[in-house]
């Protein structure tokens, strides 16, 4: 994914509320196997007349907004279904920044996965940007991610909020795998927790057997293991069921034997 730091581009206003992903990418274009080419289908039913003739009344078809790379929108932008094709189409069309008073949660999260900066501003600030965009042809803005500001050439400056994790993703151009959100790491953590809590908070014999640290003076006795299991105090935060041995760990279980899961 291409990193994002500072972007300056022309603004295209889309003065419509509740723009949903079904209008951004209609269902007949969801069969494509790659991300390329979705820019042609962005707002397809609004941009084209029958026969794929450009609609002269749609804002993106106006000559003054051709080449725009910042999209100015209204409330609840990106609502509807959770299809990730919507941000694919936004990016493939050429937009790197989307500014709106509010976004749908799934679309908002998908923007960061595709190198798009969604900027949330107050409604009065968005209204001011709409007025300036309509008044001045070729109106452009600069989105500064490190300083989290939106500015223009006339001295206007708006600040926006962004979590440090999402900011780092865009600055470094990280996707889900490279950012560590997915992949094998969570699976290894879950597997380690299962071994650790299998017979209590600490399964010393288990770790000793695996690491070879148990000496000959501490023989492995079955009765000793059973007695240690009874003495363990479980402090698990939630119920966990181990699939292999079907052991349920219950919070605040003091000196009681574990119960079997009823499968």
C-alpha atoms as a PDB file:
ATOM      1  CA  UNK A   1       0.000   0.000   0.000  1.00  0.00           C
ATOM      2  CA  UNK A   2       1.269   3.460  -0.880  1.00  0.00           C
ATOM      3  CA  UNK A   3       2.197   5.541   2.196  1.00  0.00           C
ATOM      4  CA  UNK A   4       0.281   8.746   2.867  1.00  0.00           C
ATOM      5  CA  UNK A   5       1.849  11.865   4.358  1.00  0.00           C
ATOM      6  CA  UNK A   6       0.780  15.161   2.738  1.00  0.00           C
ATOM      7  CA  UNK A   7      -1.571  15.465  -0.211  1.00  0.00           C
ATOM      8  CA  UNK A   8      -2.616  18.554  -2.164  1.00  0.00           C
ATOM      9  CA  UNK A   9      -5.345  18.301  -4.745  1.00  0.00           C
ATOM     10  CA  UNK A  10      -8.451  19.799  -6.280  1.00  0.00           C
ATOM     11  CA  UNK A  11     -11.747  19.329  -4.451  1.00  0.00           C
ATOM     12  CA  UNK A  12     -14.906  17.798  -5.945  1.00  0.00           C
ATOM     13  CA  UNK A  13     -18.131  18.391  -3.941  1.00  0.00           C
ATOM     14  CA  UNK A  14     -20.762  15.647  -3.640  1.00  0.00           C
ATOM     15  CA  UNK A  15     -23.646  17.410  -1.930  1.00  0.00           C
ATOM     16  CA  UNK A  16     -25.676  14.324  -0.981  1.00  0.00           C
ATOM     17  CA  UNK A  17     -26.307  12.710   2.397  1.00  0.00           C
ATOM     18  CA  UNK A  18     -26.354   8.962   3.085  1.00  0.00           C
ATOM     19  CA  UNK A  19     -24.357   7.996   0.014  1.00  0.00           C
ATOM     20  CA  UNK A  20     -24.319   4.203   0.252  1.00  0.00           C
ATOM     21  CA  UNK A  21     -21.892   1.670  -1.175  1.00  0.00           C
ATOM     22  CA  UNK A  22     -24.592   0.251  -3.488  1.00  0.00           C
ATOM     23  CA  UNK A  23     -24.568   3.549  -5.358  1.00  0.00           C
ATOM     24  CA  UNK A  24     -20.795   3.797  -5.224  1.00  0.00           C
ATOM     25  CA  UNK A  25     -20.329   0.370  -6.834  1.00  0.00           C
ATOM     26  CA  UNK A  26     -23.507  -1.340  -8.125  1.00  0.00           C
ATOM     27  CA  UNK A  27     -23.876  -5.072  -7.573  1.00  0.00           C
ATOM     28  CA  UNK A  28     -23.306  -6.062 -11.209  1.00  0.00           C
ATOM     29  CA  UNK A  29     -19.641  -5.009 -10.931  1.00  0.00           C
ATOM     30  CA  UNK A  30     -18.768  -7.092  -7.873  1.00  0.00           C
ATOM     31  CA  UNK A  31     -17.576 -10.119  -9.850  1.00  0.00           C
ATOM     32  CA  UNK A  32     -14.178  -8.646 -10.692  1.00  0.00           C
ATOM     33  CA  UNK A  33     -11.227 -10.505  -9.184  1.00  0.00           C
ATOM     34  CA  UNK A  34      -8.792  -7.572  -8.964  1.00  0.00           C
ATOM     35  CA  UNK A  35      -8.956  -4.065  -7.559  1.00  0.00           C
ATOM     36  CA  UNK A  36      -8.084  -2.364 -10.826  1.00  0.00           C
ATOM     37  CA  UNK A  37     -10.764  -0.871 -13.027  1.00  0.00           C
ATOM     38  CA  UNK A  38     -13.318   0.028 -10.372  1.00  0.00           C
ATOM     39  CA  UNK A  39     -12.809   3.743 -10.960  1.00  0.00           C
ATOM     40  CA  UNK A  40     -14.986   3.474 -14.071  1.00  0.00           C
ATOM     41  CA  UNK A  41     -17.844   2.067 -11.989  1.00  0.00           C
ATOM     42  CA  UNK A  42     -17.745   4.672  -9.199  1.00  0.00           C
ATOM     43  CA  UNK A  43     -21.237   6.236  -8.896  1.00  0.00           C
ATOM     44  CA  UNK A  44     -22.106   4.376 -12.082  1.00  0.00           C
ATOM     45  CA  UNK A  45     -25.881   4.970 -11.999  1.00  0.00           C
ATOM     46  CA  UNK A  46     -25.328   8.681 -11.363  1.00  0.00           C
ATOM     47  CA  UNK A  47     -22.444   9.265 -13.745  1.00  0.00           C
ATOM     48  CA  UNK A  48     -23.872   7.538 -16.812  1.00  0.00           C
ATOM     49  CA  UNK A  49     -27.037   7.597 -18.859  1.00  0.00           C
ATOM     50  CA  UNK A  50     -28.279   4.495 -20.715  1.00  0.00           C
ATOM     51  CA  UNK A  51     -25.553   3.301 -23.065  1.00  0.00           C
ATOM     52  CA  UNK A  52     -22.814   4.545 -20.699  1.00  0.00           C
ATOM     53  CA  UNK A  53     -23.160   8.099 -21.940  1.00  0.00           C
ATOM     54  CA  UNK A  54     -21.818  10.591 -19.369  1.00  0.00           C
ATOM     55  CA  UNK A  55     -24.533  12.391 -17.456  1.00  0.00           C
ATOM     56  CA  UNK A  56     -23.790  16.112 -17.980  1.00  0.00           C
ATOM     57  CA  UNK A  57     -25.654  17.045 -14.785  1.00  0.00           C
ATOM     58  CA  UNK A  58     -23.584  14.892 -12.427  1.00  0.00           C
ATOM     59  CA  UNK A  59     -20.912  16.815 -10.546  1.00  0.00           C
ATOM     60  CA  UNK A  60     -17.966  14.547 -11.369  1.00  0.00           C
ATOM     61  CA  UNK A  61     -18.679  14.916 -15.089  1.00  0.00           C
ATOM     62  CA  UNK A  62     -18.408  18.705 -14.981  1.00  0.00           C
ATOM     63  CA  UNK A  63     -15.216  19.975 -16.656  1.00  0.00           C
ATOM     64  CA  UNK A  64     -14.248  22.134 -13.663  1.00  0.00           C
ATOM     65  CA  UNK A  65     -13.955  19.091 -11.406  1.00  0.00           C
ATOM     66  CA  UNK A  66     -12.020  16.780 -13.700  1.00  0.00           C
ATOM     67  CA  UNK A  67      -8.811  15.588 -12.104  1.00  0.00           C
ATOM     68  CA  UNK A  68     -10.046  16.141  -8.545  1.00  0.00           C
ATOM     69  CA  UNK A  69      -8.309  14.034  -5.888  1.00  0.00           C
ATOM     70  CA  UNK A  70     -10.190  15.194  -2.759  1.00  0.00           C
ATOM     71  CA  UNK A  71     -13.860  14.288  -2.371  1.00  0.00           C
ATOM     72  CA  UNK A  72     -16.078  16.515  -0.228  1.00  0.00           C
ATOM     73  CA  UNK A  73     -19.192  14.733   1.036  1.00  0.00           C
ATOM     74  CA  UNK A  74     -22.015  14.959   3.553  1.00  0.00           C
ATOM     75  CA  UNK A  75     -23.243  12.966   6.564  1.00  0.00           C
ATOM     76  CA  UNK A  76     -23.062   9.162   6.767  1.00  0.00           C
ATOM     77  CA  UNK A  77     -20.903   8.735   3.709  1.00  0.00           C
ATOM     78  CA  UNK A  78     -20.299   5.095   2.737  1.00  0.00           C
ATOM     79  CA  UNK A  79     -23.310   3.570   4.470  1.00  0.00           C
ATOM     80  CA  UNK A  80     -25.077   0.431   3.263  1.00  0.00           C
ATOM     81  CA  UNK A  81     -23.406  -2.908   2.646  1.00  0.00           C
ATOM     82  CA  UNK A  82     -19.901  -3.754   3.810  1.00  0.00           C
ATOM     83  CA  UNK A  83     -18.403  -4.292   0.346  1.00  0.00           C
ATOM     84  CA  UNK A  84     -14.753  -3.257   0.153  1.00  0.00           C
ATOM     85  CA  UNK A  85     -15.183  -2.524  -3.558  1.00  0.00           C
ATOM     86  CA  UNK A  86     -16.364   0.980  -2.593  1.00  0.00           C
ATOM     87  CA  UNK A  87     -12.972   2.243  -1.342  1.00  0.00           C
ATOM     88  CA  UNK A  88     -11.330   0.369  -4.241  1.00  0.00           C
ATOM     89  CA  UNK A  89     -13.418   2.438  -6.648  1.00  0.00           C
ATOM     90  CA  UNK A  90     -12.743   5.684  -4.759  1.00  0.00           C
ATOM     91  CA  UNK A  91      -9.000   5.082  -4.892  1.00  0.00           C
ATOM     92  CA  UNK A  92      -8.960   3.869  -8.490  1.00  0.00           C
ATOM     93  CA  UNK A  93     -10.859   6.960  -9.589  1.00  0.00           C
ATOM     94  CA  UNK A  94      -8.095   9.130  -8.121  1.00  0.00           C
ATOM     95  CA  UNK A  95      -9.362  10.253  -4.708  1.00  0.00           C
ATOM     96  CA  UNK A  96      -6.819  10.050  -1.880  1.00  0.00           C
ATOM     97  CA  UNK A  97      -8.802  12.095   0.657  1.00  0.00           C
ATOM     98  CA  UNK A  98     -12.494  12.051   1.572  1.00  0.00           C
ATOM     99  CA  UNK A  99     -13.861  14.804   3.825  1.00  0.00           C
ATOM    100  CA  UNK A 100     -17.267  14.499   5.488  1.00  0.00           C
ATOM    101  CA  UNK A 101     -19.022  15.237   8.804  1.00  0.00           C
ATOM    102  CA  UNK A 102     -19.459  11.491   9.426  1.00  0.00           C
ATOM    103  CA  UNK A 103     -18.734   8.126   7.837  1.00  0.00           C
ATOM    104  CA  UNK A 104     -20.185   4.654   8.053  1.00  0.00           C
ATOM    105  CA  UNK A 105     -17.957   2.574  10.333  1.00  0.00           C
ATOM    106  CA  UNK A 106     -17.097  -0.222   7.886  1.00  0.00           C
ATOM    107  CA  UNK A 107     -16.317   2.149   5.033  1.00  0.00           C
ATOM    108  CA  UNK A 108     -14.253   4.312   7.403  1.00  0.00           C
ATOM    109  CA  UNK A 109     -12.123   1.340   8.447  1.00  0.00           C
ATOM    110  CA  UNK A 110     -11.748   0.084   4.871  1.00  0.00           C
ATOM    111  CA  UNK A 111     -10.323   3.439   3.807  1.00  0.00           C
ATOM    112  CA  UNK A 112      -7.262   2.930   6.005  1.00  0.00           C
ATOM    113  CA  UNK A 113      -6.734  -0.524   4.507  1.00  0.00           C
ATOM    114  CA  UNK A 114      -6.523   0.984   1.027  1.00  0.00           C
ATOM    115  CA  UNK A 115      -4.459   4.129   1.567  1.00  0.00           C
ATOM    116  CA  UNK A 116      -7.342   6.621   1.676  1.00  0.00           C
ATOM    117  CA  UNK A 117      -7.482   9.327   4.346  1.00  0.00           C
ATOM    118  CA  UNK A 118     -11.042   9.859   5.669  1.00  0.00           C
ATOM    119  CA  UNK A 119     -11.213  13.254   7.380  1.00  0.00           C
ATOM    120  CA  UNK A 120     -14.041  13.957   9.805  1.00  0.00           C
ATOM    121  CA  UNK A 121     -14.837  17.646  10.309  1.00  0.00           C
ATOM    122  CA  UNK A 122     -17.668  19.498  11.987  1.00  0.00           C
ATOM    123  CA  UNK A 123     -20.718  20.239   9.888  1.00  0.00           C
ATOM    124  CA  UNK A 124     -20.126  24.004   9.838  1.00  0.00           C
ATOM    125  CA  UNK A 125     -16.556  23.424   8.656  1.00  0.00           C
ATOM    126  CA  UNK A 126     -17.766  21.191   5.836  1.00  0.00           C
ATOM    127  CA  UNK A 127     -20.354  23.821   4.874  1.00  0.00           C
ATOM    128  CA  UNK A 128     -17.569  26.400   4.594  1.00  0.00           C
ATOM    129  CA  UNK A 129     -15.580  24.083   2.324  1.00  0.00           C
ATOM    130  CA  UNK A 130     -18.628  23.565   0.121  1.00  0.00           C
ATOM    131  CA  UNK A 131     -19.092  27.329  -0.219  1.00  0.00           C
ATOM    132  CA  UNK A 132     -15.459  27.889  -1.167  1.00  0.00           C
ATOM    133  CA  UNK A 133     -15.443  24.987  -3.621  1.00  0.00           C
ATOM    134  CA  UNK A 134     -18.514  26.246  -5.465  1.00  0.00           C
ATOM    135  CA  UNK A 135     -17.304  29.847  -5.453  1.00  0.00           C
ATOM    136  CA  UNK A 136     -13.756  29.277  -6.707  1.00  0.00           C
ATOM    137  CA  UNK A 137     -13.085  27.106  -9.729  1.00  0.00           C
ATOM    138  CA  UNK A 138     -10.127  24.782  -9.229  1.00  0.00           C
ATOM    139  CA  UNK A 139     -10.317  25.131  -5.439  1.00  0.00           C
ATOM    140  CA  UNK A 140      -7.692  22.912  -3.798  1.00  0.00           C
ATOM    141  CA  UNK A 141      -6.886  21.746  -0.287  1.00  0.00           C
ATOM    142  CA  UNK A 142      -3.846  20.283   1.449  1.00  0.00           C
ATOM    143  CA  UNK A 143      -4.343  17.367   3.830  1.00  0.00           C
ATOM    144  CA  UNK A 144      -1.408  17.100   6.224  1.00  0.00           C
ATOM    145  CA  UNK A 145      -1.519  13.770   8.036  1.00  0.00           C
ATOM    146  CA  UNK A 146       1.489  14.270  10.369  1.00  0.00           C
ATOM    147  CA  UNK A 147      -0.002  17.537  11.695  1.00  0.00           C
ATOM    148  CA  UNK A 148      -3.624  16.364  11.186  1.00  0.00           C
ATOM    149  CA  UNK A 149      -4.731  19.563   9.453  1.00  0.00           C
ATOM    150  CA  UNK A 150      -6.622  20.583   6.316  1.00  0.00           C
ATOM    151  CA  UNK A 151      -5.547  23.915   4.818  1.00  0.00           C
ATOM    152  CA  UNK A 152      -5.991  25.999   1.677  1.00  0.00           C
ATOM    153  CA  UNK A 153      -4.008  28.810   0.035  1.00  0.00           C
ATOM    154  CA  UNK A 154      -6.094  31.548   1.672  1.00  0.00           C
ATOM    155  CA  UNK A 155      -5.111  30.708   5.248  1.00  0.00           C
ATOM    156  CA  UNK A 156      -7.999  28.432   6.179  1.00  0.00           C
ATOM    157  CA  UNK A 157      -6.982  25.653   8.558  1.00  0.00           C
ATOM    158  CA  UNK A 158      -9.068  22.897  10.132  1.00  0.00           C
ATOM    159  CA  UNK A 159      -7.802  20.199  12.479  1.00  0.00           C
ATOM    160  CA  UNK A 160      -9.104  16.642  12.593  1.00  0.00           C
ATOM    161  CA  UNK A 161      -8.770  13.768  15.047  1.00  0.00           C
ATOM    162  CA  UNK A 162      -7.222  10.400  14.264  1.00  0.00           C
ATOM    163  CA  UNK A 163      -6.108   7.478  16.412  1.00  0.00           C
ATOM    164  CA  UNK A 164      -2.324   6.885  16.568  1.00  0.00           C
ATOM    165  CA  UNK A 165      -2.691   3.340  15.217  1.00  0.00           C
ATOM    166  CA  UNK A 166      -4.587   4.415  12.088  1.00  0.00           C
ATOM    167  CA  UNK A 167      -2.252   7.330  11.588  1.00  0.00           C
ATOM    168  CA  UNK A 168       0.770   5.021  11.648  1.00  0.00           C
ATOM    169  CA  UNK A 169      -0.883   2.656   9.153  1.00  0.00           C
ATOM    170  CA  UNK A 170      -1.259   5.426   6.574  1.00  0.00           C
ATOM    171  CA  UNK A 171       2.122   7.010   7.220  1.00  0.00           C
ATOM    172  CA  UNK A 172       3.957   3.713   6.758  1.00  0.00           C
ATOM    173  CA  UNK A 173       1.642   2.248   4.126  1.00  0.00           C
ATOM    174  CA  UNK A 174       0.815  -0.861   6.183  1.00  0.00           C
ATOM    175  CA  UNK A 175      -1.899  -3.331   5.322  1.00  0.00           C
ATOM    176  CA  UNK A 176      -3.609  -5.804   7.671  1.00  0.00           C
ATOM    177  CA  UNK A 177      -0.788  -8.355   7.499  1.00  0.00           C
ATOM    178  CA  UNK A 178       2.180  -5.991   7.776  1.00  0.00           C
ATOM    179  CA  UNK A 179       0.512  -4.077  10.618  1.00  0.00           C
ATOM    180  CA  UNK A 180       0.226  -7.300  12.644  1.00  0.00           C
ATOM    181  CA  UNK A 181      -3.549  -7.304  12.972  1.00  0.00           C
ATOM    182  CA  UNK A 182      -3.870 -10.634  11.193  1.00  0.00           C
ATOM    183  CA  UNK A 183      -1.576 -13.479  10.275  1.00  0.00           C
ATOM    184  CA  UNK A 184      -0.136 -16.198  12.528  1.00  0.00           C
ATOM    185  CA  UNK A 185       0.697 -14.089  15.565  1.00  0.00           C
ATOM    186  CA  UNK A 186      -2.787 -14.137  17.198  1.00  0.00           C
ATOM    187  CA  UNK A 187      -3.005 -17.877  16.566  1.00  0.00           C
ATOM    188  CA  UNK A 188       0.294 -18.449  18.328  1.00  0.00           C
ATOM    189  CA  UNK A 189      -0.892 -16.320  21.245  1.00  0.00           C
ATOM    190  CA  UNK A 190      -4.123 -18.307  21.571  1.00  0.00           C
ATOM    191  CA  UNK A 191      -2.191 -21.549  21.402  1.00  0.00           C
ATOM    192  CA  UNK A 192       0.148 -20.355  24.152  1.00  0.00           C
ATOM    193  CA  UNK A 193      -2.782 -19.340  26.336  1.00  0.00           C
ATOM    194  CA  UNK A 194      -4.337 -22.746  25.893  1.00  0.00           C
ATOM    195  CA  UNK A 195      -1.164 -24.451  27.101  1.00  0.00           C
ATOM    196  CA  UNK A 196      -0.742 -22.042  30.011  1.00  0.00           C
ATOM    197  CA  UNK A 197      -4.321 -22.268  31.323  1.00  0.00           C
ATOM    198  CA  UNK A 198      -4.937 -25.902  30.542  1.00  0.00           C
ATOM    199  CA  UNK A 199      -4.674 -26.965  34.192  1.00  0.00           C
ATOM    200  CA  UNK A 200      -4.577 -23.626  35.934  1.00  0.00           C
ATOM    201  CA  UNK A 201      -2.673 -20.381  35.879  1.00  0.00           C
ATOM    202  CA  UNK A 202       0.696 -22.137  35.819  1.00  0.00           C
ATOM    203  CA  UNK A 203       1.290 -25.600  34.493  1.00  0.00           C
ATOM    204  CA  UNK A 204       4.826 -26.033  35.782  1.00  0.00           C
ATOM    205  CA  UNK A 205       5.146 -29.719  34.851  1.00  0.00           C
ATOM    206  CA  UNK A 206       4.055 -28.983  31.317  1.00  0.00           C
ATOM    207  CA  UNK A 207       6.705 -26.304  30.852  1.00  0.00           C
ATOM    208  CA  UNK A 208       9.376 -28.375  32.561  1.00  0.00           C
ATOM    209  CA  UNK A 209       8.699 -31.375  30.359  1.00  0.00           C
ATOM    210  CA  UNK A 210       8.898 -29.254  27.223  1.00  0.00           C
ATOM    211  CA  UNK A 211      12.017 -27.340  28.243  1.00  0.00           C
ATOM    212  CA  UNK A 212      13.829 -30.247  29.937  1.00  0.00           C
ATOM    213  CA  UNK A 213      14.403 -28.264  33.117  1.00  0.00           C
ATOM    214  CA  UNK A 214      12.952 -30.887  35.488  1.00  0.00           C
ATOM    215  CA  UNK A 215      15.717 -32.596  37.384  1.00  0.00           C
ATOM    216  CA  UNK A 216      15.890 -36.235  38.441  1.00  0.00           C
ATOM    217  CA  UNK A 217      15.264 -35.194  42.057  1.00  0.00           C
ATOM    218  CA  UNK A 218      11.781 -34.057  41.053  1.00  0.00           C
ATOM    219  CA  UNK A 219      10.199 -37.123  39.489  1.00  0.00           C
ATOM    220  CA  UNK A 220       6.976 -36.784  37.615  1.00  0.00           C
ATOM    221  CA  UNK A 221       4.345 -38.307  39.882  1.00  0.00           C
ATOM    222  CA  UNK A 222       0.770 -38.528  38.769  1.00  0.00           C
ATOM    223  CA  UNK A 223      -0.623 -37.952  42.259  1.00  0.00           C
ATOM    224  CA  UNK A 224       1.483 -34.811  42.697  1.00  0.00           C
ATOM    225  CA  UNK A 225       0.074 -33.378  39.476  1.00  0.00           C
ATOM    226  CA  UNK A 226      -3.452 -34.052  40.667  1.00  0.00           C
ATOM    227  CA  UNK A 227      -2.798 -32.356  43.982  1.00  0.00           C
ATOM    228  CA  UNK A 228      -1.304 -29.337  42.243  1.00  0.00           C
ATOM    229  CA  UNK A 229      -4.323 -29.089  40.004  1.00  0.00           C
ATOM    230  CA  UNK A 230      -6.565 -28.847  43.074  1.00  0.00           C
ATOM    231  CA  UNK A 231      -4.379 -26.109  44.592  1.00  0.00           C
ATOM    232  CA  UNK A 232      -4.290 -23.891  41.516  1.00  0.00           C
ATOM    233  CA  UNK A 233      -6.442 -20.776  41.688  1.00  0.00           C
ATOM    234  CA  UNK A 234      -7.974 -19.861  38.388  1.00  0.00           C
ATOM    235  CA  UNK A 235      -7.955 -16.166  37.543  1.00  0.00           C
ATOM    236  CA  UNK A 236      -9.189 -16.295  33.964  1.00  0.00           C
ATOM    237  CA  UNK A 237     -11.055 -13.182  32.837  1.00  0.00           C
ATOM    238  CA  UNK A 238     -13.661 -15.093  30.845  1.00  0.00           C
ATOM    239  CA  UNK A 239     -14.875 -18.620  30.205  1.00  0.00           C
ATOM    240  CA  UNK A 240     -12.588 -20.561  27.914  1.00  0.00           C
ATOM    241  CA  UNK A 241     -13.254 -24.006  26.547  1.00  0.00           C
ATOM    242  CA  UNK A 242     -10.267 -26.026  25.387  1.00  0.00           C
ATOM    243  CA  UNK A 243     -11.374 -28.098  22.427  1.00  0.00           C
ATOM    244  CA  UNK A 244      -8.926 -30.943  22.825  1.00  0.00           C
ATOM    245  CA  UNK A 245      -9.534 -31.682  26.516  1.00  0.00           C
ATOM    246  CA  UNK A 246     -12.893 -29.905  26.904  1.00  0.00           C
ATOM    247  CA  UNK A 247     -11.849 -28.025  30.030  1.00  0.00           C
ATOM    248  CA  UNK A 248     -13.897 -25.000  31.072  1.00  0.00           C
ATOM    249  CA  UNK A 249     -12.056 -22.308  32.993  1.00  0.00           C
ATOM    250  CA  UNK A 250     -14.368 -20.263  35.171  1.00  0.00           C
ATOM    251  CA  UNK A 251     -13.471 -16.907  36.775  1.00  0.00           C
ATOM    252  CA  UNK A 252     -13.087 -16.737  40.571  1.00  0.00           C
ATOM    253  CA  UNK A 253     -12.856 -20.503  40.894  1.00  0.00           C
ATOM    254  CA  UNK A 254     -11.096 -21.031  44.223  1.00  0.00           C
ATOM    255  CA  UNK A 255      -9.710 -24.476  45.025  1.00  0.00           C
ATOM    256  CA  UNK A 256     -12.377 -26.312  43.028  1.00  0.00           C
ATOM    257  CA  UNK A 257     -11.843 -28.900  40.378  1.00  0.00           C
ATOM    258  CA  UNK A 258     -12.459 -27.891  36.793  1.00  0.00           C
ATOM    259  CA  UNK A 259     -15.656 -28.988  35.099  1.00  0.00           C
ATOM    260  CA  UNK A 260     -16.043 -30.680  31.817  1.00  0.00           C
ATOM    261  CA  UNK A 261     -17.779 -28.940  28.923  1.00  0.00           C
ATOM    262  CA  UNK A 262     -21.099 -30.343  27.878  1.00  0.00           C
ATOM    263  CA  UNK A 263     -20.689 -30.779  24.154  1.00  0.00           C
END
